[in-house]
Each structure stands twice: as C-alpha cells, then as structure tokens.
Protein backbone atom coordinates (compact mmCIF):
# COMPACT_ATOMS: atom_id res chain seq x y z
CA MET A 1 62.42 -77.86 62.97
CA SER A 2 64.66 -76.57 65.72
CA THR A 3 66.04 -73.05 65.81
CA ASN A 4 68.84 -74.10 68.18
CA PRO A 5 72.13 -73.74 66.32
CA ASN A 6 73.61 -76.62 68.33
CA ILE A 7 70.97 -79.12 67.07
CA LEU A 8 71.59 -80.65 63.65
CA CYS A 9 68.59 -80.34 61.35
CA LYS A 10 67.62 -80.00 57.74
CA SER A 11 68.53 -76.74 56.09
CA LYS A 12 65.67 -74.26 55.82
CA ALA A 13 66.54 -73.93 52.15
CA PHE A 14 64.89 -77.37 51.78
CA TYR A 15 61.22 -77.98 52.02
CA ASP A 16 60.06 -79.52 55.29
CA GLU A 17 58.65 -82.44 53.33
CA PHE A 18 59.70 -83.65 49.90
CA THR A 19 56.41 -84.14 48.05
CA ARG A 20 56.14 -85.18 44.47
CA LYS A 21 54.23 -82.57 42.56
CA GLY A 22 50.72 -83.73 41.77
CA VAL A 23 51.13 -86.83 43.96
CA ASP A 24 50.21 -87.23 47.64
CA ASP A 25 53.28 -89.35 48.40
CA VAL A 26 55.96 -87.84 50.68
CA ILE A 27 59.39 -89.06 49.62
CA THR A 28 62.68 -89.25 51.49
CA THR A 29 64.70 -88.84 48.29
CA HIS A 30 64.57 -90.13 44.73
CA TYR A 31 68.33 -90.47 44.65
CA CYS A 32 69.94 -93.93 44.86
CA PRO A 33 71.85 -95.01 47.99
CA GLY A 34 75.35 -93.65 47.84
CA CYS A 35 74.57 -91.05 45.15
CA GLY A 36 76.49 -87.77 45.52
CA HIS A 37 73.63 -85.53 44.46
CA GLY A 38 71.98 -85.55 47.84
CA ILE A 39 75.30 -84.61 49.56
CA LEU A 40 75.85 -81.72 47.14
CA HIS A 41 72.26 -80.58 47.50
CA LYS A 42 72.81 -80.36 51.29
CA MET A 43 75.98 -78.30 50.86
CA ILE A 44 74.26 -75.90 48.47
CA ALA A 45 71.22 -75.51 50.75
CA GLU A 46 73.38 -74.81 53.76
CA SER A 47 75.44 -72.23 51.83
CA ILE A 48 72.30 -70.54 50.65
CA MET A 49 71.20 -70.09 54.24
CA ASP A 50 74.69 -69.10 55.50
CA LEU A 51 74.70 -66.32 52.90
CA GLY A 52 71.11 -65.27 53.57
CA VAL A 53 70.05 -65.49 49.96
CA GLN A 54 67.21 -68.00 50.06
CA ASP A 55 64.66 -65.46 48.81
CA LYS A 56 66.91 -64.41 45.98
CA THR A 57 68.02 -67.85 44.75
CA ILE A 58 66.82 -69.40 41.51
CA LEU A 59 67.94 -72.95 40.83
CA ILE A 60 68.03 -74.05 37.14
CA SER A 61 67.88 -77.82 36.75
CA PRO A 62 67.78 -79.64 33.40
CA VAL A 63 67.16 -83.23 32.41
CA GLY A 64 69.14 -85.81 34.35
CA CYS A 65 69.27 -87.06 37.89
CA SER A 66 68.87 -83.48 39.08
CA VAL A 67 65.61 -83.00 37.19
CA PHE A 68 63.56 -83.14 40.43
CA ALA A 69 65.60 -80.52 42.33
CA TYR A 70 62.39 -78.56 42.80
CA TYR A 71 61.18 -81.36 45.10
CA TYR A 72 63.84 -80.33 47.58
CA PHE A 73 64.89 -76.68 47.32
CA ASP A 74 62.57 -74.09 48.80
CA THR A 75 63.84 -71.47 46.38
CA GLY A 76 62.96 -70.25 42.93
CA ASN A 77 63.16 -73.21 40.55
CA VAL A 78 63.20 -73.47 36.79
CA GLN A 79 63.23 -76.90 35.13
CA VAL A 80 64.65 -76.70 31.63
CA ALA A 81 65.37 -78.80 28.55
CA HIS A 82 68.43 -81.06 28.34
CA GLY A 83 71.69 -79.07 28.33
CA ARG A 84 70.01 -75.66 28.29
CA ALA A 85 70.50 -74.61 31.88
CA PRO A 86 73.27 -72.04 31.19
CA ALA A 87 71.19 -70.41 28.45
CA VAL A 88 68.12 -70.11 30.65
CA ALA A 89 70.29 -69.05 33.61
CA THR A 90 71.61 -66.23 31.45
CA GLY A 91 68.15 -64.99 30.69
CA VAL A 92 67.09 -65.28 34.33
CA LYS A 93 70.15 -63.43 35.59
CA ARG A 94 69.94 -60.64 33.06
CA SER A 95 66.19 -60.08 33.66
CA ARG A 96 66.63 -60.42 37.47
CA PRO A 97 70.18 -59.09 38.03
CA GLY A 98 69.75 -59.07 41.84
CA SER A 99 69.00 -62.81 41.99
CA ILE A 100 71.46 -65.61 42.81
CA VAL A 101 71.24 -68.01 39.86
CA ILE A 102 72.54 -71.59 40.11
CA SER A 103 72.97 -73.89 37.09
CA TYR A 104 73.04 -77.40 38.38
CA GLN A 105 74.11 -79.99 35.79
CA GLY A 106 75.40 -83.48 35.28
CA ASP A 107 78.19 -84.63 32.94
CA GLY A 108 75.86 -85.99 30.25
CA ASP A 109 73.89 -82.80 30.32
CA LEU A 110 76.65 -80.16 30.58
CA ALA A 111 79.49 -81.85 28.65
CA ALA A 112 77.43 -83.48 25.91
CA ILE A 113 74.23 -81.86 24.63
CA GLY A 114 74.90 -78.70 26.56
CA THR A 115 78.55 -78.07 25.60
CA ALA A 116 77.80 -74.99 23.50
CA GLU A 117 75.62 -73.39 26.20
CA ILE A 118 78.14 -73.72 29.03
CA ILE A 119 81.13 -72.65 26.90
CA HIS A 120 79.49 -69.49 25.69
CA ALA A 121 77.95 -68.59 29.08
CA ALA A 122 81.44 -68.96 30.62
CA ASN A 123 83.03 -67.01 27.77
CA ARG A 124 80.59 -64.12 28.35
CA GLY A 125 81.40 -64.18 32.04
CA GLU A 126 77.72 -64.47 33.02
CA SER A 127 77.24 -63.72 36.72
CA MET A 128 76.11 -67.18 37.73
CA THR A 129 77.33 -70.19 39.72
CA VAL A 130 77.55 -73.57 37.97
CA PHE A 131 77.73 -76.90 39.79
CA PHE A 132 78.84 -79.64 37.45
CA VAL A 133 78.41 -83.20 38.75
CA ASN A 134 80.92 -85.55 37.16
CA ASN A 135 80.22 -89.23 37.91
CA ALA A 136 81.63 -90.54 34.57
CA ILE A 137 78.34 -91.99 33.39
CA TYR A 138 74.76 -91.31 32.37
CA GLY A 139 73.12 -92.15 35.71
CA MET A 140 69.43 -91.51 35.03
CA THR A 141 68.90 -93.22 31.67
CA GLY A 142 70.59 -96.61 32.14
CA GLY A 143 74.33 -96.20 32.54
CA GLN A 144 75.37 -95.16 29.01
CA MET A 145 78.77 -93.68 28.23
CA ALA A 146 79.12 -90.02 29.15
CA PRO A 147 81.69 -87.50 27.83
CA THR A 148 83.61 -88.05 31.05
CA THR A 149 83.60 -91.87 30.94
CA THR A 150 87.16 -93.07 31.41
CA ILE A 151 89.23 -95.02 28.84
CA GLY A 152 88.43 -98.72 29.16
CA GLN A 153 85.35 -98.11 31.32
CA LYS A 154 82.46 -100.44 30.53
CA THR A 155 79.02 -98.87 30.20
CA ALA A 156 75.71 -99.81 28.56
CA THR A 157 76.92 -98.29 25.27
CA THR A 158 80.63 -99.32 25.62
CA PRO A 159 80.26 -102.97 26.77
CA TYR A 160 83.94 -103.63 25.81
CA GLY A 161 85.18 -100.43 27.35
CA ARG A 162 85.61 -96.91 26.05
CA LYS A 163 88.27 -96.79 23.28
CA VAL A 164 90.17 -93.67 22.28
CA GLU A 165 89.98 -94.58 18.54
CA ASN A 166 86.21 -94.90 18.67
CA GLU A 167 84.84 -92.67 21.45
CA GLY A 168 87.77 -90.31 22.05
CA TYR A 169 89.15 -89.12 25.37
CA PRO A 170 87.23 -88.09 28.51
CA ILE A 171 86.39 -84.39 28.28
CA LYS A 172 87.96 -82.31 31.10
CA MET A 173 85.50 -79.46 31.53
CA SER A 174 87.34 -77.55 34.25
CA GLU A 175 90.40 -77.39 32.06
CA LEU A 176 88.33 -76.20 29.12
CA ILE A 177 86.51 -73.57 31.08
CA SER A 178 89.72 -72.26 32.73
CA ASN A 179 91.23 -71.63 29.26
CA LEU A 180 88.58 -68.95 28.72
CA ASP A 181 89.35 -65.36 29.76
CA ALA A 182 86.10 -64.45 31.52
CA PRO A 183 85.51 -66.98 34.38
CA VAL A 184 86.75 -65.73 37.73
CA PHE A 185 86.62 -69.02 39.65
CA VAL A 186 87.09 -72.60 38.41
CA GLU A 187 87.74 -75.54 40.78
CA ARG A 188 87.35 -79.28 40.82
CA VAL A 189 86.44 -81.00 44.09
CA SER A 190 85.32 -84.46 45.22
CA LEU A 191 82.69 -86.12 47.42
CA ALA A 192 84.60 -89.38 47.77
CA ASP A 193 85.47 -89.06 51.47
CA VAL A 194 85.05 -86.81 54.54
CA PRO A 195 88.18 -84.64 53.98
CA ASN A 196 87.19 -83.99 50.40
CA ARG A 197 83.61 -83.25 51.38
CA ASN A 198 84.72 -80.72 53.96
CA LYS A 199 86.79 -78.96 51.30
CA THR A 200 83.90 -79.15 48.81
CA ARG A 201 81.50 -77.45 51.17
CA ALA A 202 83.89 -74.51 51.49
CA VAL A 203 84.26 -74.32 47.71
CA VAL A 204 80.47 -74.45 47.20
CA LYS A 205 79.99 -71.51 49.59
CA LYS A 206 82.81 -69.55 47.93
CA ALA A 207 81.33 -70.05 44.49
CA LEU A 208 77.99 -68.68 45.71
CA GLN A 209 79.65 -65.85 47.67
CA ASN A 210 81.35 -64.78 44.42
CA GLN A 211 77.93 -64.25 42.87
CA VAL A 212 76.58 -62.47 45.95
CA GLU A 213 79.54 -60.05 45.51
CA GLY A 214 78.86 -59.72 41.77
CA LYS A 215 82.25 -61.14 40.80
CA GLY A 216 81.24 -62.99 37.64
CA PHE A 217 81.22 -66.64 36.50
CA SER A 218 82.05 -69.43 38.96
CA PHE A 219 82.37 -73.06 37.90
CA VAL A 220 82.63 -75.99 40.34
CA GLU A 221 83.17 -79.49 39.05
CA VAL A 222 82.25 -82.16 41.59
CA LEU A 223 83.51 -85.70 41.30
CA SER A 224 80.72 -87.89 42.57
CA ALA A 225 79.75 -91.53 43.01
CA CYS A 226 77.02 -93.24 40.95
CA PRO A 227 76.73 -96.74 42.45
CA SER A 228 73.71 -97.68 40.30
CA GLY A 229 75.30 -96.65 37.02
CA LEU A 230 78.69 -98.16 37.87
CA LYS A 231 77.10 -101.30 39.37
CA MET A 232 79.11 -101.13 42.59
CA SER A 233 78.31 -100.63 46.27
CA PRO A 234 78.47 -97.09 47.62
CA VAL A 235 81.77 -97.85 49.40
CA GLN A 236 83.24 -99.42 46.27
CA THR A 237 82.16 -96.56 44.08
CA ASN A 238 83.75 -93.92 46.30
CA GLU A 239 87.00 -95.92 46.32
CA TRP A 240 86.81 -96.08 42.52
CA VAL A 241 86.26 -92.32 42.41
CA LYS A 242 89.45 -91.76 44.45
CA ALA A 243 91.55 -94.42 42.62
CA THR A 244 90.38 -93.58 39.07
CA LEU A 245 88.65 -90.26 38.68
CA HIS A 246 91.07 -88.35 40.92
CA ASN A 247 93.92 -89.38 38.61
CA ILE A 248 92.14 -88.50 35.38
CA PHE A 249 90.43 -85.38 36.73
CA PRO A 250 92.88 -83.87 39.26
CA ILE A 251 91.44 -82.17 42.30
CA LYS A 252 92.66 -78.60 42.14
CA ASN A 253 91.84 -74.96 41.74
CA PHE A 254 92.27 -73.91 38.14
CA ARG A 255 91.53 -70.19 38.66
CA ASP A 256 90.71 -67.86 41.44
CA ASN A 257 90.57 -64.24 40.48
CA THR A 258 88.04 -63.27 43.12
CA ALA A 259 90.52 -61.19 45.10
CA THR A 260 91.06 -58.81 42.17
CA ALA A 261 87.75 -59.20 40.31
CA GLN A 262 85.68 -56.02 40.27
CA SER A 263 82.07 -56.17 41.20
CA SER A 264 80.20 -56.63 37.98
CA PHE A 265 76.62 -56.14 39.01
CA LYS A 266 74.84 -55.71 35.71
CA LYS A 267 71.82 -53.61 35.36
CA ASP A 268 68.93 -54.95 33.34
CA ALA A 269 70.73 -55.98 30.13
CA SER A 270 67.69 -55.40 27.92
CA SER A 271 68.06 -52.36 25.71
CA ASN A 272 65.77 -49.46 26.43
CA LYS A 273 63.83 -47.49 23.83
CA GLU A 274 66.50 -44.81 23.35
CA GLU A 275 69.28 -47.41 22.85
CA VAL A 276 67.32 -49.31 20.19
CA LEU A 277 66.25 -46.16 18.37
CA LYS A 278 69.84 -44.98 18.40
CA ALA A 279 71.01 -48.26 16.83
CA LEU A 280 68.40 -47.74 14.15
CA ASN A 281 69.62 -44.18 13.57
CA LEU A 282 66.17 -42.89 14.62
CA LEU A 283 66.92 -41.34 18.02
CA ASP A 284 67.30 -37.83 16.73
CA GLN A 285 64.02 -38.06 14.95
CA THR A 286 61.84 -38.61 18.01
CA THR A 287 61.87 -35.01 19.30
CA ASP A 288 58.93 -33.96 17.10
CA TYR A 289 56.91 -37.12 17.55
CA LYS A 290 53.85 -36.79 19.70
CA PRO A 291 52.57 -40.14 20.97
CA SER A 292 48.85 -40.61 20.57
CA VAL A 293 48.20 -43.76 22.57
CA ASP A 294 46.75 -43.74 26.07
CA LYS A 295 49.01 -46.40 27.50
CA SER A 296 46.78 -47.02 30.47
CA LYS A 297 43.95 -48.19 28.12
CA PHE A 298 46.11 -49.88 25.48
CA ALA A 299 45.09 -53.53 24.79
CA ASP A 300 47.85 -56.05 24.15
CA GLN A 301 48.52 -56.68 20.49
CA ASN A 302 49.87 -60.18 19.51
CA VAL A 303 50.49 -60.06 15.79
CA ARG A 304 51.62 -62.68 13.30
CA LEU A 305 52.71 -61.46 9.89
CA ALA A 306 53.11 -64.34 7.43
CA GLY A 307 53.89 -64.81 3.75
CA PHE A 308 56.79 -65.81 1.54
CA GLY A 309 60.32 -64.50 1.36
CA GLY A 310 60.58 -61.28 -0.66
CA GLN A 311 57.32 -59.80 0.53
CA GLY A 312 59.01 -57.78 3.23
CA ILE A 313 57.40 -59.69 6.11
CA LEU A 314 60.29 -59.38 8.58
CA SER A 315 60.98 -55.66 7.89
CA ALA A 316 57.30 -54.87 8.26
CA GLY A 317 57.27 -56.56 11.63
CA SER A 318 60.28 -54.55 12.80
CA THR A 319 58.55 -51.40 11.50
CA LEU A 320 55.63 -52.14 13.71
CA SER A 321 57.92 -52.61 16.69
CA VAL A 322 59.64 -49.26 15.97
CA LEU A 323 56.24 -47.59 15.82
CA ALA A 324 55.43 -49.13 19.18
CA MET A 325 58.66 -47.72 20.65
CA TYR A 326 57.84 -44.27 19.32
CA GLU A 327 54.53 -44.54 21.23
CA GLY A 328 56.38 -45.42 24.37
CA LEU A 329 55.01 -48.97 24.47
CA GLU A 330 56.81 -52.26 25.22
CA THR A 331 57.46 -54.44 22.14
CA THR A 332 59.19 -57.56 20.96
CA TRP A 333 59.87 -58.87 17.44
CA ILE A 334 61.11 -62.31 16.52
CA PRO A 335 61.49 -63.76 12.99
CA SER A 336 60.79 -67.24 11.67
CA TYR A 337 61.81 -68.18 8.17
CA GLY A 338 63.10 -70.86 5.91
CA PRO A 339 66.63 -71.05 4.44
CA GLU A 340 65.71 -69.55 1.04
CA MET A 341 66.41 -65.85 0.51
CA ARG A 342 63.42 -65.53 -1.77
CA GLY A 343 60.35 -67.66 -2.18
CA GLY A 344 60.55 -69.56 1.12
CA THR A 345 58.14 -69.34 4.02
CA SER A 346 58.53 -66.31 6.24
CA ASN A 347 56.67 -65.05 9.25
CA CYS A 348 57.32 -63.07 12.35
CA HIS A 349 55.90 -62.56 15.82
CA VAL A 350 55.32 -59.00 17.06
CA ARG A 351 54.01 -58.26 20.56
CA VAL A 352 52.99 -54.73 21.71
CA SER A 353 51.93 -54.02 25.27
CA ASN A 354 51.82 -51.34 27.96
CA LYS A 355 53.52 -53.85 30.33
CA ARG A 356 56.79 -55.74 30.35
CA ILE A 357 56.66 -58.67 27.93
CA GLY A 358 57.66 -62.10 29.24
CA SER A 359 58.02 -63.97 25.98
CA PRO A 360 58.32 -62.77 22.35
CA LEU A 361 56.36 -65.74 21.00
CA VAL A 362 52.89 -65.20 19.59
CA GLU A 363 51.23 -68.62 19.85
CA THR A 364 47.64 -67.32 19.71
CA PRO A 365 47.57 -64.01 17.81
CA ASN A 366 44.73 -61.59 18.03
CA VAL A 367 45.88 -60.28 14.61
CA LEU A 368 46.97 -62.20 11.56
CA ILE A 369 48.26 -60.44 8.46
CA ALA A 370 48.27 -63.23 5.79
CA MET A 371 50.15 -62.32 2.67
CA ASN A 372 49.76 -65.64 0.80
CA GLY A 373 47.50 -68.68 0.73
CA PRO A 374 49.69 -71.16 2.70
CA SER A 375 50.04 -68.60 5.52
CA LEU A 376 46.27 -68.18 5.78
CA GLU A 377 45.78 -71.95 5.82
CA LYS A 378 48.45 -72.48 8.46
CA PHE A 379 47.56 -69.72 10.87
CA GLU A 380 43.82 -69.03 10.50
CA SER A 381 42.92 -71.57 13.15
CA ILE A 382 45.16 -70.16 15.88
CA VAL A 383 43.74 -66.59 15.79
CA LYS A 384 41.85 -65.73 18.89
CA LYS A 385 38.11 -65.44 18.89
CA ASP A 386 37.05 -61.82 17.98
CA GLY A 387 40.50 -61.33 16.50
CA VAL A 388 41.32 -59.69 13.15
CA ILE A 389 42.61 -61.32 9.96
CA ILE A 390 43.98 -59.19 7.09
CA VAL A 391 43.90 -61.13 3.86
CA ASN A 392 46.03 -60.16 0.88
CA SER A 393 43.28 -60.68 -1.69
CA SER A 394 45.69 -60.01 -4.54
CA ILE A 395 47.15 -63.44 -4.03
CA ILE A 396 44.67 -65.30 -1.82
CA ASP A 397 41.46 -66.49 -3.47
CA LYS A 398 40.24 -68.51 -0.51
CA LYS A 399 37.81 -67.00 1.99
CA VAL A 400 38.27 -67.26 5.68
CA SER A 401 36.04 -70.04 6.99
CA ARG A 402 35.78 -68.82 10.59
CA LYS A 403 32.77 -66.71 11.63
CA ASP A 404 34.13 -65.58 15.00
CA VAL A 405 36.80 -63.18 13.65
CA LYS A 406 36.73 -59.93 11.73
CA VAL A 407 38.15 -60.33 8.20
CA TYR A 408 39.42 -57.63 5.85
CA TYR A 409 40.12 -58.52 2.26
CA VAL A 410 42.64 -56.03 0.84
CA PRO A 411 44.49 -56.29 -2.48
CA LEU A 412 47.82 -55.34 -0.80
CA THR A 413 50.12 -56.57 -3.60
CA GLN A 414 48.05 -54.90 -6.32
CA ILE A 415 47.90 -51.52 -4.52
CA SER A 416 51.63 -51.57 -3.82
CA THR A 417 52.47 -52.57 -7.36
CA ASP A 418 50.09 -50.02 -8.97
CA LEU A 419 51.71 -47.27 -6.90
CA GLY A 420 55.23 -48.27 -7.86
CA VAL A 421 56.63 -50.15 -4.84
CA PRO A 422 55.78 -53.89 -4.88
CA ALA A 423 58.10 -54.46 -1.93
CA ALA A 424 55.88 -52.29 0.23
CA GLN A 425 53.03 -54.83 0.23
CA SER A 426 53.73 -55.95 3.82
CA VAL A 427 53.85 -52.37 5.04
CA ALA A 428 50.53 -52.04 3.28
CA GLY A 429 49.42 -54.94 5.43
CA LEU A 430 50.36 -52.99 8.52
CA ALA A 431 48.34 -50.00 7.21
CA ALA A 432 45.34 -52.33 6.82
CA TYR A 433 45.78 -53.63 10.34
CA LEU A 434 46.03 -50.12 11.90
CA ALA A 435 43.14 -48.83 9.86
CA ALA A 436 40.95 -51.79 10.90
CA THR A 437 41.82 -51.79 14.63
CA LYS A 438 42.77 -48.15 15.26
CA VAL A 439 45.12 -49.25 18.04
CA ILE A 440 47.56 -46.67 16.68
CA PRO A 441 46.60 -44.01 14.13
CA VAL A 442 47.63 -44.86 10.54
CA GLU A 443 49.17 -41.40 10.27
CA LYS A 444 51.78 -42.52 12.81
CA LEU A 445 52.88 -45.29 10.47
CA GLU A 446 53.30 -42.66 7.81
CA TYR A 447 55.60 -40.76 10.12
CA VAL A 448 57.81 -43.78 10.82
CA VAL A 449 58.06 -44.75 7.19
CA HIS A 450 58.87 -41.20 6.19
CA LYS A 451 61.65 -40.95 8.80
CA SER A 452 63.15 -44.41 8.10
CA LEU A 453 63.35 -44.16 4.33
CA LYS A 454 66.10 -41.83 3.18
CA ARG A 455 64.90 -41.33 -0.38
CA LYS A 456 62.01 -38.81 -0.35
CA GLU A 457 60.55 -40.18 -3.52
CA LEU A 458 60.37 -43.75 -2.10
CA ALA A 459 58.99 -42.46 1.18
CA ASP A 460 56.25 -40.53 -0.59
CA LYS A 461 55.28 -43.58 -2.61
CA ASN A 462 55.05 -45.71 0.56
CA ILE A 463 52.87 -43.07 2.19
CA SER A 464 50.59 -43.04 -0.85
CA ILE A 465 50.23 -46.81 -0.51
CA ILE A 466 49.45 -46.54 3.19
CA ARG A 467 46.75 -43.97 2.51
CA LYS A 468 45.22 -45.98 -0.35
CA VAL A 469 45.06 -49.06 1.83
CA ALA A 470 43.52 -47.18 4.73
CA GLU A 471 40.91 -45.76 2.34
CA HIS A 472 40.14 -49.29 1.11
CA VAL A 473 39.74 -50.68 4.60
CA GLY A 474 37.55 -47.75 5.61
CA GLY A 475 35.18 -48.63 2.82
CA GLN A 476 34.54 -52.14 4.12
C-alpha cells in the first residue's frame, strides 16, 4: 500500500485483504454489484483515518447485509443480535468513554426489530454515531417488505404492492429521531449519484467528528441502492432511488446543534461503591467497618441463589453484593424470576471479584445455594467441579448425586422459622455459604444485616439465625 497521498489506494482503516474468518478464501466483497454498503464503508473508513481515530473506533454491526463488517474494518468490531446495535453501543461507549462507537444498521434492522433500541439511545443522547442504510427493502433475506418500503412497492411479502390499509406508511426515521430533544445532529443523505456522494462523505465525517468532540448523538440516514432486492440493474436502481426515495424521504438536514452543543465527554457511567452505598442509605455506616479480605488473594465467587418467590432469594443476593462492596471488592447482581409475586421460580446471579467484572451472568457457578427441590434439579449439573452446593434440607429430600462437589445440607427454613423470621431463610443460606467457604467471615454478614435492618429486634433475630446456621455448618 502506497504512502504517497497523491496515489489512490484503499484506506488503512480496511484490512489489506478481506478474508472470511475461519476460511482461507480471500474475497473482494460479499456485497452485490451496485450495493451502497461498500460505498458507505469506504466513506466511513476514510473519515476514520482523516480523524486519526482508527485505534479508538469500535464498529457495532448487527444482522443484515452489514453483518460481515468485521471482514473489512481494521478497527474494534462487535457483531450483535438483530436490532440490538444501539443497546450494545451504549454499553461499549459507557464502559469505554474514550472510544469512537459506530452503530451501523439497515432499515429492517433499525426501523423494525430495533426501533425501541434506537429511539431510547437517541432519547438519552448517547455519545455515538449511527449510520442508517435505507434501501426500502430487506436485502439480505430475500427482498421482503421493510418498514421503509414505499406505498405500492412490490416485495417478496407484498407481491401486490404495499398498501396503507394493510401495512401502513413507510417509517421516516430521521423525522422521528429529530423530534427528540437529545440528538445533536440528524441528516438524511443519498448515494444515488456523484454530487450526493460527495455531500454524503462530508456528512459522514461530520457525524464522526461530533463524537470525537464529545458532542452527543449523531444520526445519518443514507438512501442507498439494493439492485438484488429491487430486481433492477445498478443504474436503474440509483435512478429509482432519486425518482422515488428522494421524494418520500427528502434529502435534508433535520438538526445541527453541534455549534452550540457542549462537550459531553462522560466518565465511566458505572456507579462506584460510594454512590451505590449512598443510594442504599448505607454510606454513613461504612466508617467503622474494617475490611477483612486480602483482595490480592481473593478468588472469584460466581454464585447462584435459587428457590421460589417469597423465600427472599433476590434480597439475599443483593445483601451479598452489599457485603462485597463493604469489603472493597467488585460485584454484580442480576435477578431472574417468573411473573408471580409469590410461589414462582426465582433465582439470581451474584459475582464477586477483585477485578472489574465483564458480565453479570453466572453460567457456571462455583457456588449454588438451592432453596427448593426444582432449583437443585435445575442447577446442580452446572456447578463447577470442586464447587460448593448449599442444600436447604428443610424442603429438599433429594441428595446431590455429584461426587466432585462439596455439599452442605442445612435446614435453613426450619432454623429461620424456629428463631422467628421465616423470611430470613435465604440470608441463612448466605451464612451457610460463608461458613463453608470462609471467603468472607460470617461476622461481616452479621454487620451488614445489623446495619441494613432498622428494627433492632428483627436485626437481632437475623443475627441469631446466622450464628445458628454457621454453628450447624461447622459441625459437618
């Protein structure tokens, strides 16, 4: 590749060769002749290099004709589920606020299954750049009607033409997005001819420049040809874009507040320990807490608590996370439960680590606290070898069949009921887990329970339950 600026060559934001992952074949492109995606890719790649942000750029591409964008762009790439690019882009940008995040989507993806994601990302003013390719049809999957398909247009799913009374009107996304308060830049452009392409390139660069300067959410709708989906030649399709789409979807700038927009570089949006504890009204109670964990030696804890609604599963999980924050550890908590308030299935994922946690999901726990029989049956098999299973023997008669895990049978419901607080049975499960593993002293759980419960009598009963359970586990 030449470094002479007077010699035309492929942008360095592209790979030198386009190689299908896992296959030895080198491809020129997987796009059809006349498709606008390749043209737009070139404009984005050139703008990335012009702005000097190749090493900061992360391209988010979902299902659709853009699904193989990672074949081409020598940048960060995340391939996501259909319609979910703005949601994933939000997470990427908030976790990596210095990055340049591009959500690249087609009309079937963005304006159909992904409508909620794009509307809410725009409404929050997420600092990202969205390129929306509108070719009025589902190009990848056989030419079905898209949300942007025009009235009377024949597609695989509207063989007699789109009808207002049956399929409604084409959705005008730029108009929708521009009605929200947060976006700073919204423009519709076209790839139908050279003058429009020249303008589009300038708009593409501006939309990325906005993000480089931290000026918020930019949305660029690009009218593009799809010769295969529309069953026309490339020349005919571009003429159709100009004659039809330009009239239905006017080429114009809908909003440009970049001159007055303040730089909105966001620091890491995740809440820190103090912010979370303050929200839980616990911040002022940490001054007398003395952490006991040696963080440098702490082994990751991936815990699943499971039972039925009403056993306090979710609150026990959050209690464990609060205890982890007191210890200065990283933690996540995520619930999973049925629609019933009481009696339905309920479980939660809790991760505790001395490092930043990438995902809150616990697919293979090293600890399972099973509060009822169905939970033990469902989750016993996924516990890691040499892991720990706490079994609520008050309810569960079955024995654990595995021989490669450590099992503690503890009558959690009975102990909690006998000591006057049946609802504390899941906290009792936490006590059994801490007593068995000693990853955090059980006494620290007593501290958290005492501080979080306002009624002294109730707190004292919970602490009695914790101590009784710890004594029971110690005897096994």
